[in-house]
Amino acid sequence: MTRADVEFSFDEAVRTMGVTPERLEKMIAEGKVVTVQAGGRTLIPRSSILEYFGGVSALLPRDKKKLAAKKDE
């Protein structure tokens, strides 16, 4: 198995992504996180978790506003 083939169980994905189980269920239902079936188990591919992190910002909303205001100056 290569690194790109790594798949996470639901609980592993919750811990890795730092979200609640309810939030992950919602993201899956909305199609924001992809799942695959393997041997009767639902797994979350590493690529789906990486896509999630690609859309996450480390800035707080107030800091985003400050940064945007500085760009407009």
PDB file of N, CA and C in Angstrom:
ATOM      1  N   MET A   1       0.847  -1.180   0.000  1.00  0.00           N
ATOM      2  CA  MET A   1       0.000   0.000   0.000  1.00  0.00           C
ATOM      3  C   MET A   1       0.894   1.244   0.000  1.00  0.00           C
ATOM      4  N   THR A   2       0.632   2.124  -0.926  1.00  0.00           N
ATOM      5  CA  THR A   2       1.394   3.371  -0.971  1.00  0.00           C
ATOM      6  C   THR A   2       0.731   4.405  -0.073  1.00  0.00           C
ATOM      7  N   ARG A   3       1.443   5.463   0.180  1.00  0.00           N
ATOM      8  CA  ARG A   3       0.921   6.527   1.044  1.00  0.00           C
ATOM      9  C   ARG A   3      -0.392   7.088   0.500  1.00  0.00           C
ATOM     10  N   ALA A   4      -0.518   7.190  -0.813  1.00  0.00           N
ATOM     11  CA  ALA A   4      -1.731   7.736  -1.424  1.00  0.00           C
ATOM     12  C   ALA A   4      -2.922   6.814  -1.231  1.00  0.00           C
ATOM     13  N   ASP A   5      -2.670   5.522  -0.958  1.00  0.00           N
ATOM     14  CA  ASP A   5      -3.748   4.556  -0.807  1.00  0.00           C
ATOM     15  C   ASP A   5      -4.307   4.489   0.611  1.00  0.00           C
ATOM     16  N   VAL A   6      -3.727   5.223   1.540  1.00  0.00           N
ATOM     17  CA  VAL A   6      -4.138   5.146   2.937  1.00  0.00           C
ATOM     18  C   VAL A   6      -5.591   5.577   3.070  1.00  0.00           C
ATOM     19  N   GLU A   7      -6.340   4.787   3.816  1.00  0.00           N
ATOM     20  CA  GLU A   7      -7.732   5.121   4.084  1.00  0.00           C
ATOM     21  C   GLU A   7      -7.952   5.099   5.586  1.00  0.00           C
ATOM     22  N   PHE A   8      -8.801   5.976   6.059  1.00  0.00           N
ATOM     23  CA  PHE A   8      -9.057   6.138   7.480  1.00  0.00           C
ATOM     24  C   PHE A   8     -10.439   5.609   7.832  1.00  0.00           C
ATOM     25  N   SER A   9     -10.559   4.998   9.008  1.00  0.00           N
ATOM     26  CA  SER A   9     -11.882   4.652   9.512  1.00  0.00           C
ATOM     27  C   SER A   9     -12.582   5.961   9.881  1.00  0.00           C
ATOM     28  N   PHE A  10     -13.872   5.883  10.132  1.00  0.00           N
ATOM     29  CA  PHE A  10     -14.626   7.074  10.515  1.00  0.00           C
ATOM     30  C   PHE A  10     -14.007   7.717  11.756  1.00  0.00           C
ATOM     31  N   ASP A  11     -13.747   6.909  12.788  1.00  0.00           N
ATOM     32  CA  ASP A  11     -13.181   7.442  14.037  1.00  0.00           C
ATOM     33  C   ASP A  11     -11.793   8.033  13.829  1.00  0.00           C
ATOM     34  N   GLU A  12     -10.985   7.387  13.003  1.00  0.00           N
ATOM     35  CA  GLU A  12      -9.651   7.924  12.704  1.00  0.00           C
ATOM     36  C   GLU A  12      -9.758   9.263  11.987  1.00  0.00           C
ATOM     37  N   ALA A  13     -10.712   9.356  11.065  1.00  0.00           N
ATOM     38  CA  ALA A  13     -10.898  10.609  10.326  1.00  0.00           C
ATOM     39  C   ALA A  13     -11.353  11.727  11.258  1.00  0.00           C
ATOM     40  N   VAL A  14     -12.243  11.410  12.192  1.00  0.00           N
ATOM     41  CA  VAL A  14     -12.702  12.411  13.165  1.00  0.00           C
ATOM     42  C   VAL A  14     -11.511  12.962  13.938  1.00  0.00           C
ATOM     43  N   ARG A  15     -10.664  12.079  14.440  1.00  0.00           N
ATOM     44  CA  ARG A  15      -9.494  12.520  15.219  1.00  0.00           C
ATOM     45  C   ARG A  15      -8.504  13.290  14.345  1.00  0.00           C
ATOM     46  N   THR A  16      -8.249  12.786  13.145  1.00  0.00           N
ATOM     47  CA  THR A  16      -7.278  13.419  12.254  1.00  0.00           C
ATOM     48  C   THR A  16      -7.733  14.807  11.820  1.00  0.00           C
ATOM     49  N   MET A  17      -9.011  14.933  11.513  1.00  0.00           N
ATOM     50  CA  MET A  17      -9.539  16.194  11.006  1.00  0.00           C
ATOM     51  C   MET A  17      -9.884  17.181  12.119  1.00  0.00           C
ATOM     52  N   GLY A  18      -9.991  16.684  13.345  1.00  0.00           N
ATOM     53  CA  GLY A  18     -10.318  17.567  14.460  1.00  0.00           C
ATOM     54  C   GLY A  18     -11.747  18.070  14.433  1.00  0.00           C
ATOM     55  N   VAL A  19     -12.657  17.227  13.962  1.00  0.00           N
ATOM     56  CA  VAL A  19     -14.069  17.589  13.910  1.00  0.00           C
ATOM     57  C   VAL A  19     -14.861  16.616  14.780  1.00  0.00           C
ATOM     58  N   THR A  20     -16.104  16.964  15.051  1.00  0.00           N
ATOM     59  CA  THR A  20     -16.969  16.059  15.803  1.00  0.00           C
ATOM     60  C   THR A  20     -17.515  14.994  14.854  1.00  0.00           C
ATOM     61  N   PRO A  21     -17.951  13.856  15.399  1.00  0.00           N
ATOM     62  CA  PRO A  21     -18.572  12.846  14.536  1.00  0.00           C
ATOM     63  C   PRO A  21     -19.769  13.408  13.774  1.00  0.00           C
ATOM     64  N   GLU A  22     -20.548  14.255  14.437  1.00  0.00           N
ATOM     65  CA  GLU A  22     -21.713  14.853  13.775  1.00  0.00           C
ATOM     66  C   GLU A  22     -21.295  15.732  12.600  1.00  0.00           C
ATOM     67  N   ARG A  23     -20.228  16.489  12.778  1.00  0.00           N
ATOM     68  CA  ARG A  23     -19.742  17.365  11.699  1.00  0.00           C
ATOM     69  C   ARG A  23     -19.254  16.535  10.523  1.00  0.00           C
ATOM     70  N   LEU A  24     -18.519  15.453  10.805  1.00  0.00           N
ATOM     71  CA  LEU A  24     -18.032  14.609   9.720  1.00  0.00           C
ATOM     72  C   LEU A  24     -19.195  13.957   8.984  1.00  0.00           C
ATOM     73  N   GLU A  25     -20.201  13.489   9.716  1.00  0.00           N
ATOM     74  CA  GLU A  25     -21.391  12.915   9.074  1.00  0.00           C
ATOM     75  C   GLU A  25     -22.046  13.935   8.151  1.00  0.00           C
ATOM     76  N   LYS A  26     -22.136  15.179   8.606  1.00  0.00           N
ATOM     77  CA  LYS A  26     -22.742  16.239   7.789  1.00  0.00           C
ATOM     78  C   LYS A  26     -21.911  16.498   6.534  1.00  0.00           C
ATOM     79  N   MET A  27     -20.587  16.557   6.679  1.00  0.00           N
ATOM     80  CA  MET A  27     -19.723  16.797   5.521  1.00  0.00           C
ATOM     81  C   MET A  27     -19.834  15.654   4.514  1.00  0.00           C
ATOM     82  N   ILE A  28     -19.960  14.427   5.007  1.00  0.00           N
ATOM     83  CA  ILE A  28     -20.132  13.278   4.111  1.00  0.00           C
ATOM     84  C   ILE A  28     -21.470  13.392   3.388  1.00  0.00           C
ATOM     85  N   ALA A  29     -22.537  13.702   4.121  1.00  0.00           N
ATOM     86  CA  ALA A  29     -23.872  13.834   3.526  1.00  0.00           C
ATOM     87  C   ALA A  29     -23.917  14.945   2.482  1.00  0.00           C
ATOM     88  N   GLU A  30     -23.154  16.018   2.704  1.00  0.00           N
ATOM     89  CA  GLU A  30     -23.114  17.149   1.769  1.00  0.00           C
ATOM     90  C   GLU A  30     -22.164  16.906   0.602  1.00  0.00           C
ATOM     91  N   GLY A  31     -21.440  15.784   0.630  1.00  0.00           N
ATOM     92  CA  GLY A  31     -20.502  15.478  -0.444  1.00  0.00           C
ATOM     93  C   GLY A  31     -19.174  16.204  -0.323  1.00  0.00           C
ATOM     94  N   LYS A  32     -18.917  16.818   0.821  1.00  0.00           N
ATOM     95  CA  LYS A  32     -17.659  17.542   1.024  1.00  0.00           C
ATOM     96  C   LYS A  32     -16.518  16.603   1.373  1.00  0.00           C
ATOM     97  N   VAL A  33     -16.851  15.427   1.889  1.00  0.00           N
ATOM     98  CA  VAL A  33     -15.867  14.393   2.202  1.00  0.00           C
ATOM     99  C   VAL A  33     -16.329  13.115   1.518  1.00  0.00           C
ATOM    100  N   VAL A  34     -15.427  12.512   0.753  1.00  0.00           N
ATOM    101  CA  VAL A  34     -15.734  11.301  -0.012  1.00  0.00           C
ATOM    102  C   VAL A  34     -15.463  10.072   0.848  1.00  0.00           C
ATOM    103  N   THR A  35     -16.305   9.063   0.706  1.00  0.00           N
ATOM    104  CA  THR A  35     -16.075   7.791   1.384  1.00  0.00           C
ATOM    105  C   THR A  35     -16.005   6.683   0.351  1.00  0.00           C
ATOM    106  N   VAL A  36     -15.396   5.567   0.738  1.00  0.00           N
ATOM    107  CA  VAL A  36     -15.349   4.375  -0.107  1.00  0.00           C
ATOM    108  C   VAL A  36     -15.750   3.178   0.740  1.00  0.00           C
ATOM    109  N   GLN A  37     -16.296   2.170   0.089  1.00  0.00           N
ATOM    110  CA  GLN A  37     -16.669   0.929   0.760  1.00  0.00           C
ATOM    111  C   GLN A  37     -15.583  -0.103   0.509  1.00  0.00           C
ATOM    112  N   ALA A  38     -15.149  -0.763   1.576  1.00  0.00           N
ATOM    113  CA  ALA A  38     -14.123  -1.800   1.443  1.00  0.00           C
ATOM    114  C   ALA A  38     -14.385  -2.875   2.489  1.00  0.00           C
ATOM    115  N   GLY A  39     -14.730  -4.060   2.023  1.00  0.00           N
ATOM    116  CA  GLY A  39     -14.967  -5.163   2.947  1.00  0.00           C
ATOM    117  C   GLY A  39     -16.073  -4.893   3.944  1.00  0.00           C
ATOM    118  N   GLY A  40     -17.109  -4.212   3.516  1.00  0.00           N
ATOM    119  CA  GLY A  40     -18.228  -3.905   4.397  1.00  0.00           C
ATOM    120  C   GLY A  40     -17.987  -2.729   5.331  1.00  0.00           C
ATOM    121  N   ARG A  41     -16.857  -2.064   5.181  1.00  0.00           N
ATOM    122  CA  ARG A  41     -16.534  -0.906   6.020  1.00  0.00           C
ATOM    123  C   ARG A  41     -16.584   0.369   5.191  1.00  0.00           C
ATOM    124  N   THR A  42     -16.967   1.443   5.824  1.00  0.00           N
ATOM    125  CA  THR A  42     -16.925   2.755   5.186  1.00  0.00           C
ATOM    126  C   THR A  42     -15.622   3.417   5.594  1.00  0.00           C
ATOM    127  N   LEU A  43     -14.831   3.792   4.600  1.00  0.00           N
ATOM    128  CA  LEU A  43     -13.527   4.402   4.846  1.00  0.00           C
ATOM    129  C   LEU A  43     -13.442   5.766   4.175  1.00  0.00           C
ATOM    130  N   ILE A  44     -12.597   6.607   4.701  1.00  0.00           N
ATOM    131  CA  ILE A  44     -12.366   7.932   4.129  1.00  0.00           C
ATOM    132  C   ILE A  44     -10.951   7.953   3.572  1.00  0.00           C
ATOM    133  N   PRO A  45     -10.808   8.138   2.253  1.00  0.00           N
ATOM    134  CA  PRO A  45      -9.479   8.159   1.643  1.00  0.00           C
ATOM    135  C   PRO A  45      -8.644   9.349   2.129  1.00  0.00           C
ATOM    136  N   ARG A  46      -7.358   9.136   2.183  1.00  0.00           N
ATOM    137  CA  ARG A  46      -6.409  10.190   2.564  1.00  0.00           C
ATOM    138  C   ARG A  46      -6.606  11.425   1.692  1.00  0.00           C
ATOM    139  N   SER A  47      -6.835  11.218   0.406  1.00  0.00           N
ATOM    140  CA  SER A  47      -7.002  12.347  -0.515  1.00  0.00           C
ATOM    141  C   SER A  47      -8.189  13.222  -0.121  1.00  0.00           C
ATOM    142  N   SER A  48      -9.246  12.610   0.391  1.00  0.00           N
ATOM    143  CA  SER A  48     -10.410  13.380   0.812  1.00  0.00           C
ATOM    144  C   SER A  48     -10.089  14.227   2.042  1.00  0.00           C
ATOM    145  N   ILE A  49      -9.296  13.667   2.956  1.00  0.00           N
ATOM    146  CA  ILE A  49      -8.887  14.415   4.145  1.00  0.00           C
ATOM    147  C   ILE A  49      -7.958  15.560   3.753  1.00  0.00           C
ATOM    148  N   LEU A  50      -7.053  15.311   2.813  1.00  0.00           N
ATOM    149  CA  LEU A  50      -6.153  16.372   2.353  1.00  0.00           C
ATOM    150  C   LEU A  50      -6.927  17.499   1.679  1.00  0.00           C
ATOM    151  N   GLU A  51      -7.968  17.156   0.918  1.00  0.00           N
ATOM    152  CA  GLU A  51      -8.802  18.187   0.295  1.00  0.00           C
ATOM    153  C   GLU A  51      -9.479  19.037   1.363  1.00  0.00           C
ATOM    154  N   TYR A  52      -9.946  18.393   2.421  1.00  0.00           N
ATOM    155  CA  TYR A  52     -10.561  19.130   3.529  1.00  0.00           C
ATOM    156  C   TYR A  52      -9.563  20.124   4.113  1.00  0.00           C
ATOM    157  N   PHE A  53      -8.345  19.661   4.406  1.00  0.00           N
ATOM    158  CA  PHE A  53      -7.340  20.544   4.981  1.00  0.00           C
ATOM    159  C   PHE A  53      -6.941  21.648   4.008  1.00  0.00           C
ATOM    160  N   GLY A  54      -7.033  21.402   2.723  1.00  0.00           N
ATOM    161  CA  GLY A  54      -6.719  22.429   1.739  1.00  0.00           C
ATOM    162  C   GLY A  54      -7.690  23.594   1.789  1.00  0.00           C
ATOM    163  N   GLY A  55      -8.892  23.343   2.266  1.00  0.00           N
ATOM    164  CA  GLY A  55      -9.905  24.390   2.350  1.00  0.00           C
ATOM    165  C   GLY A  55     -10.022  25.023   3.718  1.00  0.00           C
ATOM    166  N   VAL A  56      -9.238  24.544   4.670  1.00  0.00           N
ATOM    167  CA  VAL A  56      -9.298  25.057   6.039  1.00  0.00           C
ATOM    168  C   VAL A  56      -8.309  26.199   6.192  1.00  0.00           C
ATOM    169  N   SER A  57      -8.749  27.242   6.832  1.00  0.00           N
ATOM    170  CA  SER A  57      -7.880  28.390   7.081  1.00  0.00           C
ATOM    171  C   SER A  57      -7.481  28.421   8.550  1.00  0.00           C
ATOM    172  N   ALA A  58      -6.245  28.777   8.800  1.00  0.00           N
ATOM    173  CA  ALA A  58      -5.766  28.890  10.176  1.00  0.00           C
ATOM    174  C   ALA A  58      -6.114  30.251  10.776  1.00  0.00           C
ATOM    175  N   LEU A  59      -6.619  31.154   9.961  1.00  0.00           N
ATOM    176  CA  LEU A  59      -6.948  32.493  10.450  1.00  0.00           C
ATOM    177  C   LEU A  59      -8.343  32.525  11.052  1.00  0.00           C
ATOM    178  N   LEU A  60      -8.482  33.248  12.141  1.00  0.00           N
ATOM    179  CA  LEU A  60      -9.792  33.487  12.720  1.00  0.00           C
ATOM    180  C   LEU A  60     -10.519  34.506  11.855  1.00  0.00           C
ATOM    181  N   PRO A  61     -11.856  34.490  11.863  1.00  0.00           N
ATOM    182  CA  PRO A  61     -12.609  35.449  11.036  1.00  0.00           C
ATOM    183  C   PRO A  61     -12.188  36.896  11.256  1.00  0.00           C
ATOM    184  N   ARG A  62     -11.936  37.294  12.508  1.00  0.00           N
ATOM    185  CA  ARG A  62     -11.541  38.692  12.760  1.00  0.00           C
ATOM    186  C   ARG A  62     -10.191  39.002  12.124  1.00  0.00           C
ATOM    187  N   ASP A  63      -9.287  38.004  12.117  1.00  0.00           N
ATOM    188  CA  ASP A  63      -7.979  38.206  11.507  1.00  0.00           C
ATOM    189  C   ASP A  63      -8.083  38.276   9.986  1.00  0.00           C
ATOM    190  N   LYS A  64      -9.012  37.515   9.420  1.00  0.00           N
ATOM    191  CA  LYS A  64      -9.235  37.577   7.970  1.00  0.00           C
ATOM    192  C   LYS A  64      -9.690  38.978   7.572  1.00  0.00           C
ATOM    193  N   LYS A  65     -10.570  39.576   8.386  1.00  0.00           N
ATOM    194  CA  LYS A  65     -11.063  40.927   8.096  1.00  0.00           C
ATOM    195  C   LYS A  65      -9.928  41.940   8.160  1.00  0.00           C
ATOM    196  N   LYS A  66      -9.066  41.809   9.171  1.00  0.00           N
ATOM    197  CA  LYS A  66      -7.926  42.721   9.298  1.00  0.00           C
ATOM    198  C   LYS A  66      -7.000  42.591   8.096  1.00  0.00           C
ATOM    199  N   LEU A  67      -6.740  41.369   7.682  1.00  0.00           N
ATOM    200  CA  LEU A  67      -5.864  41.119   6.546  1.00  0.00           C
ATOM    201  C   LEU A  67      -6.469  41.696   5.269  1.00  0.00           C
ATOM    202  N   ALA A  68      -7.768  41.513   5.087  1.00  0.00           N
ATOM    203  CA  ALA A  68      -8.443  42.051   3.909  1.00  0.00           C
ATOM    204  C   ALA A  68      -8.396  43.575   3.913  1.00  0.00           C
ATOM    205  N   ALA A  69      -8.560  44.182   5.083  1.00  0.00           N
ATOM    206  CA  ALA A  69      -8.520  45.645   5.186  1.00  0.00           C
ATOM    207  C   ALA A  69      -7.139  46.179   4.834  1.00  0.00           C
ATOM    208  N   LYS A  70      -6.092  45.486   5.252  1.00  0.00           N
ATOM    209  CA  LYS A  70      -4.728  45.910   4.932  1.00  0.00           C
ATOM    210  C   LYS A  70      -4.460  45.817   3.438  1.00  0.00           C
ATOM    211  N   LYS A  71      -5.027  44.809   2.790  1.00  0.00           N
ATOM    212  CA  LYS A  71      -4.832  44.655   1.345  1.00  0.00           C
ATOM    213  C   LYS A  71      -5.502  45.787   0.581  1.00  0.00           C
ATOM    214  N   ASP A  72      -6.611  46.296   1.128  1.00  0.00           N
ATOM    215  CA  ASP A  72      -7.356  47.369   0.472  1.00  0.00           C
ATOM    216  C   ASP A  72      -6.689  48.731   0.638  1.00  0.00           C
ATOM    217  N   GLU A  73      -5.748  48.847   1.571  1.00  0.00           N
ATOM    218  CA  GLU A  73      -5.086  50.144   1.827  1.00  0.00           C
ATOM    219  C   GLU A  73      -4.142  50.517   0.722  1.00  0.00           C
TER     220      GLU A  73
END
